[in-house]
Amino acid sequence: MVLPLTVAVAGCGVPTEPDADRSAGAVQRARVGPAVLVALLPSSDAGSTAAGGGTLVVEDGCLWMRSPDGGRASLAFATPSTDWDADAGLLRVGDKRFAPGAPIRVGGAVFEGTLPRLAWTRAPRAECLSAPLWIVSSIE
């Protein structure tokens, strides 16, 4: 479980007295959501050859889909306008938003075993890529 609360200090110092003036930006809150690098592939309209579902999970900055049996799959998106909204802590795919812990249904292609060489638009971190890998062309 990630508890993404960070406090950043700006200015000369942090007031220590209860009635101290906290104006002028002495204490500022940083972005709330975890830093997540969403793996991206070139957008494709090739359609889906497989469908699956589970729960959207963020662990250690990696985006996964946890299946009902407890297994997890890497996610790579071949969808336009896809990224992580760190301010809101949400996955953004076009005009849709998905929160960690939400049920999702994906369409696309799934690879098990040896992963193919892929032409990444944005490659995932090595620790965020494992089989099975879903190449997501649609998500609900």
N, C-alpha and C. Protein backbone atom coordinates (compact mmCIF):
# COMPACT_ATOMS: atom_id res chain seq x y z
N MET A 1 0.85 -1.18 0.00
CA MET A 1 0.00 0.00 0.00
C MET A 1 0.89 1.23 0.00
N VAL A 2 0.65 2.13 -0.87
CA VAL A 2 1.43 3.35 -0.96
C VAL A 2 0.66 4.48 -0.31
N LEU A 3 1.32 5.19 0.58
CA LEU A 3 0.71 6.35 1.22
C LEU A 3 1.42 7.58 0.67
N PRO A 4 0.89 8.15 -0.41
CA PRO A 4 1.61 9.20 -1.13
C PRO A 4 1.39 10.60 -0.58
N LEU A 5 1.83 10.86 0.64
CA LEU A 5 1.71 12.20 1.19
C LEU A 5 3.12 12.71 1.45
N THR A 6 3.44 13.82 0.83
CA THR A 6 4.76 14.41 0.95
C THR A 6 4.61 15.87 1.32
N VAL A 7 5.46 16.35 2.20
CA VAL A 7 5.45 17.76 2.55
C VAL A 7 6.77 18.36 2.09
N ALA A 8 6.70 19.44 1.35
CA ALA A 8 7.89 20.14 0.90
C ALA A 8 7.97 21.46 1.64
N VAL A 9 9.15 21.87 2.00
CA VAL A 9 9.34 23.11 2.73
C VAL A 9 9.96 24.13 1.80
N ALA A 10 9.38 25.33 1.78
CA ALA A 10 9.90 26.42 0.96
C ALA A 10 10.09 27.64 1.84
N GLY A 11 10.88 28.57 1.42
CA GLY A 11 11.10 29.79 2.18
C GLY A 11 12.22 29.60 3.18
N CYS A 12 12.24 30.45 4.20
CA CYS A 12 13.35 30.46 5.15
C CYS A 12 13.23 29.37 6.20
N GLY A 13 12.02 28.98 6.55
CA GLY A 13 11.87 27.99 7.59
C GLY A 13 10.42 27.68 7.83
N VAL A 14 10.18 26.73 8.69
CA VAL A 14 8.82 26.33 9.03
C VAL A 14 8.49 26.90 10.39
N PRO A 15 7.36 27.61 10.54
CA PRO A 15 6.98 28.15 11.85
C PRO A 15 6.82 27.01 12.84
N THR A 16 7.29 27.22 14.06
CA THR A 16 7.20 26.17 15.07
C THR A 16 6.18 26.50 16.15
N GLU A 17 5.75 27.74 16.23
CA GLU A 17 4.77 28.12 17.24
C GLU A 17 3.37 27.96 16.67
N PRO A 18 2.39 27.52 17.48
CA PRO A 18 1.04 27.30 16.99
C PRO A 18 0.42 28.52 16.33
N ASP A 19 0.71 29.73 16.83
CA ASP A 19 0.09 30.92 16.27
C ASP A 19 0.99 31.63 15.27
N ALA A 20 2.06 30.98 14.85
CA ALA A 20 2.99 31.61 13.91
C ALA A 20 2.31 31.84 12.56
N ASP A 21 2.75 32.87 11.87
CA ASP A 21 2.20 33.21 10.56
C ASP A 21 2.63 32.19 9.52
N ARG A 22 1.67 31.52 8.91
CA ARG A 22 1.97 30.51 7.90
C ARG A 22 1.72 31.05 6.50
N SER A 23 1.60 32.34 6.37
CA SER A 23 1.40 32.93 5.05
C SER A 23 2.73 32.98 4.32
N ALA A 24 2.72 33.51 3.13
CA ALA A 24 3.91 33.67 2.29
C ALA A 24 4.49 32.34 1.87
N GLY A 25 3.69 31.27 1.92
CA GLY A 25 4.13 29.98 1.38
C GLY A 25 5.19 29.28 2.21
N ALA A 26 5.20 29.47 3.52
CA ALA A 26 6.22 28.84 4.35
C ALA A 26 6.13 27.32 4.27
N VAL A 27 4.92 26.78 4.21
CA VAL A 27 4.75 25.33 4.09
C VAL A 27 3.85 25.09 2.88
N GLN A 28 4.30 24.24 1.97
CA GLN A 28 3.52 23.91 0.78
C GLN A 28 3.37 22.40 0.69
N ARG A 29 2.25 21.97 0.21
CA ARG A 29 2.05 20.54 -0.02
C ARG A 29 2.51 20.21 -1.43
N ALA A 30 3.22 19.09 -1.54
CA ALA A 30 3.65 18.62 -2.86
C ALA A 30 2.51 17.85 -3.50
N ARG A 31 2.72 17.41 -4.71
CA ARG A 31 1.70 16.62 -5.41
C ARG A 31 1.34 15.40 -4.58
N VAL A 32 0.08 15.02 -4.66
CA VAL A 32 -0.45 13.97 -3.82
C VAL A 32 -0.21 12.57 -4.39
N GLY A 33 -0.37 12.38 -5.68
CA GLY A 33 -0.29 11.05 -6.26
C GLY A 33 1.12 10.51 -6.36
N PRO A 34 1.26 9.18 -6.44
CA PRO A 34 2.58 8.58 -6.60
C PRO A 34 3.12 8.85 -8.00
N ALA A 35 4.43 8.78 -8.14
CA ALA A 35 5.05 8.94 -9.46
C ALA A 35 4.94 7.61 -10.19
N VAL A 36 4.22 7.60 -11.29
CA VAL A 36 4.01 6.38 -12.07
C VAL A 36 4.40 6.66 -13.51
N LEU A 37 5.25 5.81 -14.07
CA LEU A 37 5.64 5.92 -15.46
C LEU A 37 4.77 4.94 -16.25
N VAL A 38 3.86 5.46 -17.08
CA VAL A 38 2.96 4.61 -17.85
C VAL A 38 3.68 4.18 -19.12
N ALA A 39 3.76 2.87 -19.34
CA ALA A 39 4.40 2.32 -20.55
C ALA A 39 3.50 2.58 -21.75
N LEU A 40 4.09 3.18 -22.79
CA LEU A 40 3.31 3.54 -23.98
C LEU A 40 3.91 2.92 -25.24
N LEU A 41 3.03 2.50 -26.13
CA LEU A 41 3.37 2.02 -27.46
C LEU A 41 2.67 2.93 -28.46
N PRO A 42 3.10 2.93 -29.71
CA PRO A 42 2.39 3.74 -30.70
C PRO A 42 0.90 3.39 -30.71
N SER A 43 0.05 4.40 -30.82
CA SER A 43 -1.39 4.16 -30.88
C SER A 43 -1.72 3.29 -32.06
N SER A 44 -2.71 2.42 -31.86
CA SER A 44 -3.08 1.48 -32.90
C SER A 44 -4.60 1.33 -32.93
N ASP A 45 -5.12 1.14 -34.12
CA ASP A 45 -6.55 0.83 -34.26
C ASP A 45 -6.71 -0.61 -34.72
N ALA A 46 -5.73 -1.44 -34.40
CA ALA A 46 -5.75 -2.84 -34.82
C ALA A 46 -6.85 -3.65 -34.16
N GLY A 47 -7.41 -3.13 -33.08
CA GLY A 47 -8.48 -3.85 -32.40
C GLY A 47 -7.95 -4.80 -31.36
N SER A 48 -8.85 -5.51 -30.74
CA SER A 48 -8.50 -6.42 -29.65
C SER A 48 -8.57 -7.86 -30.11
N THR A 49 -7.58 -8.64 -29.68
CA THR A 49 -7.62 -10.08 -29.92
C THR A 49 -7.91 -10.83 -28.64
N ALA A 50 -7.90 -10.11 -27.51
CA ALA A 50 -8.16 -10.72 -26.22
C ALA A 50 -8.83 -9.68 -25.31
N ALA A 51 -9.51 -10.19 -24.30
CA ALA A 51 -10.13 -9.31 -23.31
C ALA A 51 -9.86 -9.89 -21.93
N GLY A 52 -9.72 -9.00 -20.97
CA GLY A 52 -9.48 -9.45 -19.61
C GLY A 52 -9.91 -8.39 -18.63
N GLY A 53 -9.86 -8.74 -17.38
CA GLY A 53 -10.27 -7.78 -16.36
C GLY A 53 -9.61 -8.06 -15.05
N GLY A 54 -9.67 -7.07 -14.20
CA GLY A 54 -9.10 -7.18 -12.87
C GLY A 54 -9.18 -5.84 -12.17
N THR A 55 -8.22 -5.60 -11.32
CA THR A 55 -8.16 -4.38 -10.53
C THR A 55 -6.90 -3.62 -10.91
N LEU A 56 -7.04 -2.31 -11.11
CA LEU A 56 -5.88 -1.46 -11.39
C LEU A 56 -5.10 -1.28 -10.10
N VAL A 57 -3.79 -1.55 -10.17
CA VAL A 57 -2.93 -1.51 -8.99
C VAL A 57 -1.70 -0.67 -9.28
N VAL A 58 -1.30 0.15 -8.32
CA VAL A 58 -0.02 0.86 -8.38
C VAL A 58 0.81 0.38 -7.20
N GLU A 59 1.99 -0.19 -7.51
CA GLU A 59 2.91 -0.66 -6.49
C GLU A 59 4.30 -0.20 -6.86
N ASP A 60 4.96 0.50 -5.95
CA ASP A 60 6.33 0.96 -6.16
C ASP A 60 6.50 1.69 -7.48
N GLY A 61 5.51 2.51 -7.85
CA GLY A 61 5.58 3.29 -9.08
C GLY A 61 5.30 2.51 -10.34
N CYS A 62 4.86 1.27 -10.21
CA CYS A 62 4.53 0.42 -11.36
C CYS A 62 3.02 0.25 -11.46
N LEU A 63 2.54 0.20 -12.68
CA LEU A 63 1.11 0.05 -12.95
C LEU A 63 0.86 -1.40 -13.35
N TRP A 64 -0.07 -2.05 -12.66
CA TRP A 64 -0.39 -3.46 -12.89
C TRP A 64 -1.90 -3.64 -12.97
N MET A 65 -2.30 -4.80 -13.48
CA MET A 65 -3.68 -5.24 -13.37
C MET A 65 -3.65 -6.53 -12.57
N ARG A 66 -4.32 -6.53 -11.41
CA ARG A 66 -4.40 -7.73 -10.59
C ARG A 66 -5.64 -8.51 -11.00
N SER A 67 -5.44 -9.78 -11.34
CA SER A 67 -6.56 -10.62 -11.79
C SER A 67 -7.35 -11.13 -10.58
N PRO A 68 -8.56 -11.62 -10.82
CA PRO A 68 -9.37 -12.12 -9.71
C PRO A 68 -8.70 -13.26 -8.94
N ASP A 69 -7.79 -14.02 -9.60
CA ASP A 69 -7.09 -15.12 -8.90
C ASP A 69 -5.85 -14.65 -8.15
N GLY A 70 -5.57 -13.33 -8.16
CA GLY A 70 -4.45 -12.78 -7.41
C GLY A 70 -3.19 -12.56 -8.22
N GLY A 71 -3.13 -13.08 -9.45
CA GLY A 71 -1.97 -12.84 -10.31
C GLY A 71 -1.95 -11.40 -10.78
N ARG A 72 -0.82 -10.97 -11.31
CA ARG A 72 -0.77 -9.62 -11.83
C ARG A 72 -0.12 -9.61 -13.20
N ALA A 73 -0.50 -8.59 -13.97
CA ALA A 73 0.01 -8.45 -15.33
C ALA A 73 0.51 -7.03 -15.53
N SER A 74 1.60 -6.89 -16.28
CA SER A 74 2.09 -5.58 -16.69
C SER A 74 1.11 -4.99 -17.69
N LEU A 75 1.06 -3.67 -17.74
CA LEU A 75 0.19 -2.97 -18.69
C LEU A 75 1.03 -2.04 -19.55
N ALA A 76 0.82 -2.10 -20.86
CA ALA A 76 1.42 -1.16 -21.81
C ALA A 76 0.27 -0.67 -22.69
N PHE A 77 0.20 0.62 -22.90
CA PHE A 77 -0.94 1.22 -23.58
C PHE A 77 -0.61 1.64 -25.00
N ALA A 78 -1.46 1.19 -25.93
CA ALA A 78 -1.39 1.60 -27.34
C ALA A 78 -2.62 2.44 -27.62
N THR A 79 -2.88 3.36 -26.72
CA THR A 79 -4.07 4.21 -26.77
C THR A 79 -3.64 5.66 -26.79
N PRO A 80 -4.33 6.51 -27.53
CA PRO A 80 -3.96 7.93 -27.56
C PRO A 80 -4.29 8.62 -26.24
N SER A 81 -3.59 9.70 -25.97
CA SER A 81 -3.86 10.55 -24.79
C SER A 81 -3.86 9.75 -23.50
N THR A 82 -2.81 8.97 -23.28
CA THR A 82 -2.72 8.14 -22.07
C THR A 82 -1.54 8.60 -21.24
N ASP A 83 -1.77 8.80 -19.94
CA ASP A 83 -0.70 9.19 -19.04
C ASP A 83 -1.18 9.07 -17.60
N TRP A 84 -0.27 9.31 -16.67
CA TRP A 84 -0.59 9.29 -15.25
C TRP A 84 -0.78 10.73 -14.78
N ASP A 85 -1.90 11.00 -14.12
CA ASP A 85 -2.17 12.32 -13.54
C ASP A 85 -1.71 12.27 -12.09
N ALA A 86 -0.49 12.73 -11.83
CA ALA A 86 0.09 12.67 -10.49
C ALA A 86 -0.67 13.56 -9.51
N ASP A 87 -1.21 14.67 -9.97
CA ASP A 87 -1.96 15.56 -9.08
C ASP A 87 -3.19 14.86 -8.51
N ALA A 88 -3.87 14.09 -9.35
CA ALA A 88 -5.10 13.41 -8.92
C ALA A 88 -4.85 11.96 -8.51
N GLY A 89 -3.68 11.41 -8.86
CA GLY A 89 -3.41 10.01 -8.56
C GLY A 89 -4.24 9.07 -9.40
N LEU A 90 -4.44 9.42 -10.70
CA LEU A 90 -5.31 8.65 -11.59
C LEU A 90 -4.62 8.34 -12.91
N LEU A 91 -5.00 7.21 -13.51
CA LEU A 91 -4.62 6.89 -14.88
C LEU A 91 -5.60 7.60 -15.80
N ARG A 92 -5.07 8.34 -16.77
CA ARG A 92 -5.90 9.06 -17.74
C ARG A 92 -5.73 8.39 -19.09
N VAL A 93 -6.84 7.96 -19.68
CA VAL A 93 -6.86 7.38 -21.03
C VAL A 93 -7.94 8.12 -21.80
N GLY A 94 -7.51 9.04 -22.67
CA GLY A 94 -8.48 9.90 -23.36
C GLY A 94 -9.24 10.71 -22.32
N ASP A 95 -10.57 10.68 -22.39
CA ASP A 95 -11.38 11.42 -21.42
C ASP A 95 -11.80 10.57 -20.22
N LYS A 96 -11.27 9.34 -20.13
CA LYS A 96 -11.60 8.45 -19.00
C LYS A 96 -10.52 8.54 -17.94
N ARG A 97 -10.93 8.32 -16.68
CA ARG A 97 -10.02 8.34 -15.55
C ARG A 97 -10.23 7.06 -14.74
N PHE A 98 -9.11 6.48 -14.25
CA PHE A 98 -9.17 5.23 -13.49
C PHE A 98 -8.30 5.37 -12.25
N ALA A 99 -8.88 5.08 -11.09
CA ALA A 99 -8.16 5.18 -9.82
C ALA A 99 -7.60 3.82 -9.44
N PRO A 100 -6.45 3.80 -8.78
CA PRO A 100 -5.94 2.54 -8.24
C PRO A 100 -7.00 1.90 -7.34
N GLY A 101 -7.16 0.60 -7.48
CA GLY A 101 -8.17 -0.13 -6.72
C GLY A 101 -9.48 -0.30 -7.47
N ALA A 102 -9.62 0.39 -8.60
CA ALA A 102 -10.86 0.31 -9.38
C ALA A 102 -10.85 -0.94 -10.27
N PRO A 103 -12.02 -1.53 -10.48
CA PRO A 103 -12.09 -2.64 -11.44
C PRO A 103 -11.93 -2.09 -12.86
N ILE A 104 -11.20 -2.82 -13.71
CA ILE A 104 -11.03 -2.41 -15.10
C ILE A 104 -11.23 -3.62 -16.01
N ARG A 105 -11.65 -3.34 -17.25
CA ARG A 105 -11.73 -4.34 -18.32
C ARG A 105 -10.85 -3.82 -19.43
N VAL A 106 -9.95 -4.65 -19.93
CA VAL A 106 -9.05 -4.24 -21.00
C VAL A 106 -9.25 -5.13 -22.22
N GLY A 107 -9.01 -4.53 -23.37
CA GLY A 107 -8.98 -5.27 -24.62
C GLY A 107 -7.63 -5.01 -25.26
N GLY A 108 -7.16 -5.95 -26.02
CA GLY A 108 -5.87 -5.80 -26.68
C GLY A 108 -5.26 -7.15 -26.96
N ALA A 109 -4.00 -7.27 -26.65
CA ALA A 109 -3.28 -8.53 -26.83
C ALA A 109 -2.52 -8.82 -25.55
N VAL A 110 -2.39 -10.09 -25.22
CA VAL A 110 -1.66 -10.49 -24.02
C VAL A 110 -0.52 -11.41 -24.42
N PHE A 111 0.63 -11.19 -23.81
CA PHE A 111 1.81 -12.02 -24.06
C PHE A 111 2.20 -12.71 -22.78
N GLU A 112 2.40 -14.01 -22.85
CA GLU A 112 2.86 -14.81 -21.71
C GLU A 112 4.24 -15.34 -22.07
N GLY A 113 5.05 -15.67 -21.09
CA GLY A 113 6.37 -16.22 -21.36
C GLY A 113 7.33 -15.15 -21.83
N THR A 114 8.12 -15.46 -22.85
CA THR A 114 9.11 -14.51 -23.35
C THR A 114 8.41 -13.32 -24.00
N LEU A 115 8.76 -12.14 -23.54
CA LEU A 115 8.13 -10.94 -24.07
C LEU A 115 8.77 -10.56 -25.41
N PRO A 116 7.97 -10.07 -26.34
CA PRO A 116 8.50 -9.67 -27.64
C PRO A 116 9.27 -8.35 -27.54
N ARG A 117 10.10 -8.10 -28.53
CA ARG A 117 10.73 -6.77 -28.63
C ARG A 117 9.64 -5.81 -29.10
N LEU A 118 9.53 -4.71 -28.41
CA LEU A 118 8.47 -3.76 -28.73
C LEU A 118 9.07 -2.40 -29.07
N ALA A 119 8.40 -1.67 -29.94
CA ALA A 119 8.83 -0.32 -30.33
C ALA A 119 8.17 0.67 -29.38
N TRP A 120 8.76 0.87 -28.23
CA TRP A 120 8.19 1.70 -27.19
C TRP A 120 8.16 3.17 -27.60
N THR A 121 7.06 3.84 -27.26
CA THR A 121 7.01 5.30 -27.29
C THR A 121 7.57 5.80 -25.97
N ARG A 122 7.22 5.11 -24.88
CA ARG A 122 7.79 5.34 -23.55
C ARG A 122 7.95 3.97 -22.89
N ALA A 123 9.19 3.54 -22.76
CA ALA A 123 9.47 2.22 -22.18
C ALA A 123 9.23 2.24 -20.68
N PRO A 124 8.76 1.11 -20.15
CA PRO A 124 8.58 1.02 -18.70
C PRO A 124 9.93 0.81 -18.03
N ARG A 125 9.99 1.07 -16.73
CA ARG A 125 11.18 0.70 -15.96
C ARG A 125 11.24 -0.83 -15.94
N ALA A 126 12.43 -1.38 -15.91
CA ALA A 126 12.61 -2.83 -15.97
C ALA A 126 11.80 -3.57 -14.91
N GLU A 127 11.74 -3.02 -13.70
CA GLU A 127 11.02 -3.70 -12.62
C GLU A 127 9.50 -3.64 -12.80
N CYS A 128 9.03 -2.87 -13.76
CA CYS A 128 7.59 -2.75 -14.01
C CYS A 128 7.15 -3.60 -15.21
N LEU A 129 8.05 -4.38 -15.75
CA LEU A 129 7.74 -5.16 -16.96
C LEU A 129 7.99 -6.63 -16.70
N SER A 130 6.92 -7.42 -16.76
CA SER A 130 7.04 -8.86 -16.61
C SER A 130 5.88 -9.52 -17.32
N ALA A 131 5.98 -10.80 -17.53
CA ALA A 131 4.90 -11.55 -18.17
C ALA A 131 3.92 -11.98 -17.08
N PRO A 132 2.65 -12.01 -17.37
CA PRO A 132 2.06 -11.62 -18.65
C PRO A 132 2.04 -10.10 -18.84
N LEU A 133 2.06 -9.71 -20.09
CA LEU A 133 2.01 -8.29 -20.48
C LEU A 133 0.77 -8.07 -21.32
N TRP A 134 -0.05 -7.12 -20.90
CA TRP A 134 -1.21 -6.71 -21.69
C TRP A 134 -0.83 -5.49 -22.50
N ILE A 135 -0.99 -5.57 -23.81
CA ILE A 135 -0.91 -4.40 -24.67
C ILE A 135 -2.34 -3.93 -24.83
N VAL A 136 -2.64 -2.84 -24.16
CA VAL A 136 -4.02 -2.36 -24.02
C VAL A 136 -4.38 -1.45 -25.19
N SER A 137 -5.44 -1.86 -25.92
CA SER A 137 -5.96 -1.00 -27.00
C SER A 137 -7.30 -0.38 -26.61
N SER A 138 -7.91 -0.90 -25.52
CA SER A 138 -9.13 -0.30 -24.99
C SER A 138 -9.22 -0.62 -23.50
N ILE A 139 -9.88 0.26 -22.76
CA ILE A 139 -10.03 0.07 -21.32
C ILE A 139 -11.37 0.68 -20.89
N GLU A 140 -12.04 -0.03 -20.03
CA GLU A 140 -13.31 0.42 -19.45
C GLU A 140 -13.27 0.21 -17.96
